[in-house]
Amino acid sequence: MMICAIRAQIGYKHRIGKYGGRPSLAVDNTLARQFDVAAPDKVWVTDITYIKTYEGFAYLAVVIDLYSRKVVGWAMESRQTTDLVLQALLMAVWRRKPTTKVLIHSDQGSQFNFERQQKLNPQGA
């Protein structure tokens, strides 16, 4: 389907990584697929997706409240970095101002392993 000279591209070429898709567990799966939440701002889930543009890829990090299923924070950049995730989480905190602890669930990709990256690169360079 083509509207206003815009057309969708279905799928991208899948390249097998050198690690073979083995999971790396930074922390235990506390959520354990319990997606029904009783109150807002108790569990947030986050992930990154990419959008192909004429200038390359744009990376979008989104934070969703599992109670309302609403997007509570997001950020977009040209690179997939830890800062991208932090900006989305900071937007969520700024918008929702949670008063209690919030469980944040992610796929534990490299962008979500803040502590390990800080130990590897303490100067932030």
N, C-alpha and C. Protein backbone atom coordinates (compact mmCIF):
# COMPACT_ATOMS: atom_id res chain seq x y z
N MET A 1 0.84 -1.18 0.00
CA MET A 1 0.00 0.00 0.00
C MET A 1 0.88 1.23 0.00
N MET A 2 0.50 2.22 -0.79
CA MET A 2 1.30 3.42 -0.90
C MET A 2 0.42 4.64 -0.70
N ILE A 3 0.75 5.46 0.30
CA ILE A 3 0.01 6.68 0.60
C ILE A 3 1.01 7.82 0.64
N CYS A 4 0.77 8.85 -0.16
CA CYS A 4 1.64 10.02 -0.19
C CYS A 4 3.10 9.64 -0.40
N ALA A 5 3.36 8.69 -1.26
CA ALA A 5 4.71 8.23 -1.59
C ALA A 5 5.43 7.61 -0.39
N ILE A 6 4.68 7.16 0.61
CA ILE A 6 5.26 6.47 1.76
C ILE A 6 4.82 5.02 1.68
N ARG A 7 5.77 4.13 1.79
CA ARG A 7 5.42 2.71 1.76
C ARG A 7 6.15 1.98 2.88
N ALA A 8 5.54 0.95 3.37
CA ALA A 8 6.13 0.17 4.47
C ALA A 8 7.10 -0.85 3.92
N GLN A 9 8.16 -1.08 4.67
CA GLN A 9 9.08 -2.16 4.34
C GLN A 9 8.85 -3.25 5.38
N ILE A 10 8.49 -4.42 4.91
CA ILE A 10 8.19 -5.52 5.81
C ILE A 10 9.47 -6.30 6.09
N GLY A 11 9.90 -6.26 7.34
CA GLY A 11 11.05 -7.04 7.77
C GLY A 11 12.38 -6.49 7.30
N TYR A 12 13.42 -6.93 7.93
CA TYR A 12 14.79 -6.61 7.59
C TYR A 12 15.57 -7.91 7.52
N LYS A 13 16.71 -7.86 6.86
CA LYS A 13 17.55 -9.05 6.80
C LYS A 13 18.05 -9.37 8.20
N HIS A 14 17.90 -10.62 8.60
CA HIS A 14 18.34 -11.04 9.93
C HIS A 14 19.76 -11.56 9.84
N ARG A 15 20.63 -10.98 10.64
CA ARG A 15 22.01 -11.43 10.68
C ARG A 15 22.26 -12.14 12.00
N ILE A 16 22.82 -13.32 11.92
CA ILE A 16 23.10 -14.08 13.12
C ILE A 16 24.30 -13.48 13.82
N GLY A 17 24.15 -13.20 15.12
CA GLY A 17 25.24 -12.62 15.89
C GLY A 17 26.30 -13.63 16.24
N LYS A 18 27.44 -13.13 16.68
CA LYS A 18 28.54 -14.04 16.99
C LYS A 18 28.31 -14.79 18.30
N TYR A 19 27.34 -14.36 19.11
CA TYR A 19 27.08 -15.04 20.37
C TYR A 19 26.01 -16.11 20.26
N GLY A 20 25.38 -16.23 19.13
CA GLY A 20 24.42 -17.29 18.91
C GLY A 20 23.12 -17.17 19.67
N GLY A 21 22.78 -15.98 20.15
CA GLY A 21 21.51 -15.76 20.82
C GLY A 21 21.42 -16.30 22.23
N ARG A 22 22.54 -16.57 22.87
CA ARG A 22 22.51 -17.04 24.26
C ARG A 22 22.13 -15.88 25.17
N PRO A 23 21.22 -16.09 26.10
CA PRO A 23 20.83 -15.00 26.99
C PRO A 23 21.91 -14.68 28.02
N SER A 24 22.03 -13.41 28.33
CA SER A 24 22.95 -12.94 29.36
C SER A 24 22.09 -12.39 30.49
N LEU A 25 22.13 -13.01 31.64
CA LEU A 25 21.28 -12.59 32.75
C LEU A 25 22.05 -11.70 33.70
N ALA A 26 21.67 -10.43 33.76
CA ALA A 26 22.28 -9.50 34.70
C ALA A 26 21.59 -9.61 36.06
N VAL A 27 20.27 -9.79 36.04
CA VAL A 27 19.48 -9.97 37.26
C VAL A 27 18.41 -11.01 36.99
N ASP A 28 17.83 -11.53 38.06
CA ASP A 28 16.76 -12.52 37.91
C ASP A 28 15.52 -11.89 37.30
N ASN A 29 14.68 -12.71 36.70
CA ASN A 29 13.42 -12.26 36.11
C ASN A 29 12.39 -12.12 37.22
N THR A 30 12.34 -10.95 37.84
CA THR A 30 11.43 -10.69 38.96
C THR A 30 9.98 -10.64 38.50
N LEU A 31 9.74 -10.14 37.30
CA LEU A 31 8.36 -10.01 36.80
C LEU A 31 7.73 -11.37 36.55
N ALA A 32 8.49 -12.33 36.03
CA ALA A 32 8.04 -13.70 35.81
C ALA A 32 6.71 -13.77 35.05
N ARG A 33 6.59 -12.96 34.01
CA ARG A 33 5.43 -12.96 33.11
C ARG A 33 4.11 -12.64 33.82
N GLN A 34 4.16 -11.93 34.94
CA GLN A 34 2.95 -11.48 35.63
C GLN A 34 2.60 -10.09 35.12
N PHE A 35 1.89 -10.04 33.99
CA PHE A 35 1.64 -8.78 33.31
C PHE A 35 0.39 -8.05 33.80
N ASP A 36 -0.38 -8.65 34.69
CA ASP A 36 -1.54 -7.98 35.27
C ASP A 36 -1.10 -7.30 36.56
N VAL A 37 -1.17 -5.98 36.57
CA VAL A 37 -0.70 -5.19 37.70
C VAL A 37 -1.89 -4.50 38.33
N ALA A 38 -1.92 -4.42 39.66
CA ALA A 38 -3.09 -3.91 40.39
C ALA A 38 -3.14 -2.40 40.51
N ALA A 39 -2.02 -1.70 40.34
CA ALA A 39 -2.00 -0.25 40.54
C ALA A 39 -1.01 0.39 39.57
N PRO A 40 -1.21 1.68 39.27
CA PRO A 40 -0.27 2.35 38.37
C PRO A 40 1.09 2.57 39.03
N ASP A 41 2.10 2.72 38.22
CA ASP A 41 3.47 3.02 38.66
C ASP A 41 4.05 1.98 39.60
N LYS A 42 3.68 0.72 39.39
CA LYS A 42 4.28 -0.39 40.14
C LYS A 42 5.26 -1.15 39.26
N VAL A 43 4.90 -1.35 37.96
CA VAL A 43 5.76 -2.07 37.03
C VAL A 43 5.78 -1.33 35.70
N TRP A 44 6.98 -1.01 35.25
CA TRP A 44 7.19 -0.42 33.93
C TRP A 44 8.01 -1.40 33.11
N VAL A 45 7.71 -1.50 31.83
CA VAL A 45 8.51 -2.32 30.91
C VAL A 45 9.12 -1.39 29.87
N THR A 46 10.29 -1.77 29.38
CA THR A 46 10.98 -0.92 28.43
C THR A 46 11.70 -1.75 27.38
N ASP A 47 11.82 -1.18 26.20
CA ASP A 47 12.54 -1.84 25.12
C ASP A 47 12.94 -0.79 24.09
N ILE A 48 13.80 -1.21 23.17
CA ILE A 48 14.27 -0.34 22.10
C ILE A 48 13.89 -0.96 20.77
N THR A 49 13.44 -0.13 19.85
CA THR A 49 13.20 -0.58 18.49
C THR A 49 13.91 0.38 17.55
N TYR A 50 13.99 0.01 16.30
CA TYR A 50 14.67 0.87 15.34
C TYR A 50 13.76 1.14 14.16
N ILE A 51 13.95 2.31 13.58
CA ILE A 51 13.15 2.77 12.46
C ILE A 51 14.12 3.15 11.34
N LYS A 52 13.95 2.54 10.18
CA LYS A 52 14.83 2.84 9.05
C LYS A 52 14.38 4.13 8.39
N THR A 53 15.31 5.06 8.22
CA THR A 53 15.04 6.33 7.56
C THR A 53 16.02 6.51 6.40
N TYR A 54 15.85 7.57 5.64
CA TYR A 54 16.77 7.85 4.55
C TYR A 54 18.17 8.18 5.06
N GLU A 55 18.28 8.66 6.28
CA GLU A 55 19.57 9.03 6.85
C GLU A 55 20.20 7.91 7.67
N GLY A 56 19.59 6.75 7.73
CA GLY A 56 20.09 5.65 8.54
C GLY A 56 18.99 5.17 9.48
N PHE A 57 19.39 4.60 10.59
CA PHE A 57 18.41 4.11 11.55
C PHE A 57 18.21 5.12 12.67
N ALA A 58 16.97 5.24 13.13
CA ALA A 58 16.63 6.00 14.33
C ALA A 58 16.22 4.98 15.38
N TYR A 59 16.74 5.12 16.58
CA TYR A 59 16.45 4.18 17.66
C TYR A 59 15.49 4.82 18.65
N LEU A 60 14.44 4.09 18.99
CA LEU A 60 13.39 4.58 19.87
C LEU A 60 13.30 3.70 21.10
N ALA A 61 13.51 4.31 22.27
CA ALA A 61 13.35 3.60 23.55
C ALA A 61 12.02 4.05 24.15
N VAL A 62 11.24 3.08 24.60
CA VAL A 62 9.90 3.36 25.13
C VAL A 62 9.75 2.72 26.51
N VAL A 63 9.09 3.44 27.42
CA VAL A 63 8.75 2.93 28.75
C VAL A 63 7.23 2.90 28.85
N ILE A 64 6.68 1.72 29.19
CA ILE A 64 5.23 1.54 29.27
C ILE A 64 4.86 1.12 30.69
N ASP A 65 3.80 1.74 31.23
CA ASP A 65 3.25 1.33 32.53
C ASP A 65 2.36 0.12 32.30
N LEU A 66 2.66 -0.99 32.95
CA LEU A 66 1.89 -2.21 32.72
C LEU A 66 0.46 -2.11 33.21
N TYR A 67 0.18 -1.26 34.18
CA TYR A 67 -1.18 -1.12 34.69
C TYR A 67 -2.10 -0.52 33.62
N SER A 68 -1.71 0.61 33.05
CA SER A 68 -2.56 1.31 32.09
C SER A 68 -2.22 0.98 30.65
N ARG A 69 -1.05 0.36 30.42
CA ARG A 69 -0.53 0.06 29.08
C ARG A 69 -0.27 1.34 28.28
N LYS A 70 -0.04 2.43 28.98
CA LYS A 70 0.26 3.70 28.32
C LYS A 70 1.76 3.94 28.28
N VAL A 71 2.20 4.62 27.24
CA VAL A 71 3.60 5.02 27.15
C VAL A 71 3.80 6.18 28.13
N VAL A 72 4.72 6.00 29.07
CA VAL A 72 4.97 7.04 30.07
C VAL A 72 6.30 7.75 29.84
N GLY A 73 7.14 7.20 28.98
CA GLY A 73 8.41 7.85 28.65
C GLY A 73 8.95 7.31 27.35
N TRP A 74 9.68 8.16 26.63
CA TRP A 74 10.29 7.72 25.38
C TRP A 74 11.45 8.64 25.04
N ALA A 75 12.35 8.13 24.20
CA ALA A 75 13.47 8.93 23.71
C ALA A 75 13.89 8.37 22.37
N MET A 76 14.43 9.23 21.51
CA MET A 76 14.87 8.80 20.18
C MET A 76 16.24 9.40 19.90
N GLU A 77 17.14 8.57 19.38
CA GLU A 77 18.48 9.02 19.01
C GLU A 77 18.95 8.27 17.78
N SER A 78 20.07 8.72 17.24
CA SER A 78 20.64 8.06 16.07
C SER A 78 21.54 6.89 16.46
N ARG A 79 21.83 6.74 17.76
CA ARG A 79 22.65 5.62 18.23
C ARG A 79 21.94 4.90 19.37
N GLN A 80 22.20 3.63 19.50
CA GLN A 80 21.57 2.80 20.52
C GLN A 80 22.51 2.74 21.72
N THR A 81 22.34 3.66 22.65
CA THR A 81 23.25 3.79 23.78
C THR A 81 22.51 3.70 25.10
N THR A 82 23.28 3.63 26.18
CA THR A 82 22.70 3.65 27.52
C THR A 82 21.98 4.96 27.78
N ASP A 83 22.52 6.05 27.24
CA ASP A 83 21.90 7.36 27.43
C ASP A 83 20.49 7.40 26.84
N LEU A 84 20.27 6.70 25.75
CA LEU A 84 18.94 6.62 25.13
C LEU A 84 17.93 6.05 26.13
N VAL A 85 18.31 4.97 26.80
CA VAL A 85 17.43 4.33 27.78
C VAL A 85 17.23 5.24 28.99
N LEU A 86 18.30 5.86 29.46
CA LEU A 86 18.20 6.75 30.61
C LEU A 86 17.27 7.93 30.33
N GLN A 87 17.34 8.49 29.13
CA GLN A 87 16.47 9.61 28.78
C GLN A 87 14.99 9.19 28.81
N ALA A 88 14.69 7.99 28.31
CA ALA A 88 13.32 7.49 28.33
C ALA A 88 12.85 7.27 29.77
N LEU A 89 13.72 6.70 30.61
CA LEU A 89 13.36 6.47 32.02
C LEU A 89 13.21 7.79 32.78
N LEU A 90 14.08 8.74 32.49
CA LEU A 90 13.96 10.05 33.15
C LEU A 90 12.66 10.75 32.75
N MET A 91 12.27 10.62 31.49
CA MET A 91 10.99 11.20 31.07
C MET A 91 9.83 10.55 31.81
N ALA A 92 9.89 9.23 31.97
CA ALA A 92 8.82 8.51 32.68
C ALA A 92 8.74 8.97 34.13
N VAL A 93 9.89 9.10 34.79
CA VAL A 93 9.91 9.56 36.19
C VAL A 93 9.41 10.99 36.28
N TRP A 94 9.85 11.84 35.38
CA TRP A 94 9.43 13.24 35.39
C TRP A 94 7.92 13.38 35.17
N ARG A 95 7.37 12.57 34.25
CA ARG A 95 5.94 12.68 33.95
C ARG A 95 5.07 12.06 35.03
N ARG A 96 5.48 10.91 35.57
CA ARG A 96 4.63 10.18 36.51
C ARG A 96 4.93 10.49 37.98
N LYS A 97 6.14 10.88 38.30
CA LYS A 97 6.54 11.20 39.67
C LYS A 97 6.11 10.10 40.65
N PRO A 98 6.61 8.86 40.47
CA PRO A 98 6.19 7.77 41.36
C PRO A 98 6.63 8.03 42.80
N THR A 99 5.76 7.65 43.75
CA THR A 99 6.06 7.87 45.17
C THR A 99 6.63 6.63 45.84
N THR A 100 6.53 5.48 45.18
CA THR A 100 7.10 4.24 45.71
C THR A 100 8.05 3.64 44.68
N LYS A 101 8.71 2.55 45.05
CA LYS A 101 9.62 1.89 44.13
C LYS A 101 8.85 1.34 42.93
N VAL A 102 9.49 1.39 41.76
CA VAL A 102 8.90 0.89 40.52
C VAL A 102 9.80 -0.23 40.00
N LEU A 103 9.21 -1.38 39.69
CA LEU A 103 9.94 -2.47 39.06
C LEU A 103 10.05 -2.15 37.57
N ILE A 104 11.28 -2.11 37.05
CA ILE A 104 11.50 -1.83 35.64
C ILE A 104 12.00 -3.11 34.99
N HIS A 105 11.25 -3.59 34.00
CA HIS A 105 11.56 -4.86 33.33
C HIS A 105 12.03 -4.57 31.91
N SER A 106 13.16 -5.17 31.53
CA SER A 106 13.68 -5.01 30.17
C SER A 106 14.20 -6.35 29.68
N ASP A 107 14.67 -6.37 28.43
CA ASP A 107 15.23 -7.60 27.88
C ASP A 107 16.69 -7.79 28.27
N GLN A 108 17.23 -6.90 29.09
CA GLN A 108 18.59 -6.95 29.60
C GLN A 108 19.63 -6.85 28.50
N GLY A 109 19.32 -6.08 27.46
CA GLY A 109 20.32 -5.83 26.42
C GLY A 109 21.46 -5.00 26.99
N SER A 110 22.49 -4.81 26.21
CA SER A 110 23.68 -4.11 26.70
C SER A 110 23.37 -2.68 27.13
N GLN A 111 22.37 -2.04 26.53
CA GLN A 111 22.03 -0.67 26.89
C GLN A 111 21.42 -0.60 28.28
N PHE A 112 20.89 -1.71 28.78
CA PHE A 112 20.21 -1.71 30.07
C PHE A 112 21.12 -2.13 31.21
N ASN A 113 22.35 -2.51 30.94
CA ASN A 113 23.31 -2.94 31.96
C ASN A 113 24.18 -1.77 32.38
N PHE A 114 23.60 -0.81 33.09
CA PHE A 114 24.29 0.42 33.47
C PHE A 114 25.49 0.14 34.36
N GLU A 115 25.31 -0.69 35.39
CA GLU A 115 26.37 -0.93 36.37
C GLU A 115 27.58 -1.58 35.72
N ARG A 116 27.36 -2.58 34.88
CA ARG A 116 28.47 -3.27 34.23
C ARG A 116 29.21 -2.31 33.30
N GLN A 117 28.49 -1.46 32.58
CA GLN A 117 29.13 -0.50 31.69
C GLN A 117 29.93 0.52 32.48
N GLN A 118 29.43 0.92 33.64
CA GLN A 118 30.14 1.89 34.47
C GLN A 118 31.44 1.30 34.99
N LYS A 119 31.44 0.00 35.35
CA LYS A 119 32.66 -0.64 35.82
C LYS A 119 33.67 -0.76 34.68
N LEU A 120 33.20 -1.04 33.46
CA LEU A 120 34.11 -1.17 32.34
C LEU A 120 34.66 0.18 31.89
N ASN A 121 33.88 1.24 32.08
CA ASN A 121 34.26 2.55 31.59
C ASN A 121 33.92 3.61 32.64
N PRO A 122 34.68 3.70 33.74
CA PRO A 122 34.31 4.58 34.85
C PRO A 122 34.35 6.07 34.51
N GLN A 123 35.13 6.50 33.51
CA GLN A 123 35.19 7.91 33.14
C GLN A 123 34.03 8.32 32.25
N GLY A 124 33.27 7.35 31.70
CA GLY A 124 32.14 7.68 30.85
C GLY A 124 32.53 8.06 29.44
N ALA A 125 33.78 7.80 29.06
CA ALA A 125 34.23 8.16 27.71
C ALA A 125 33.90 7.09 26.71
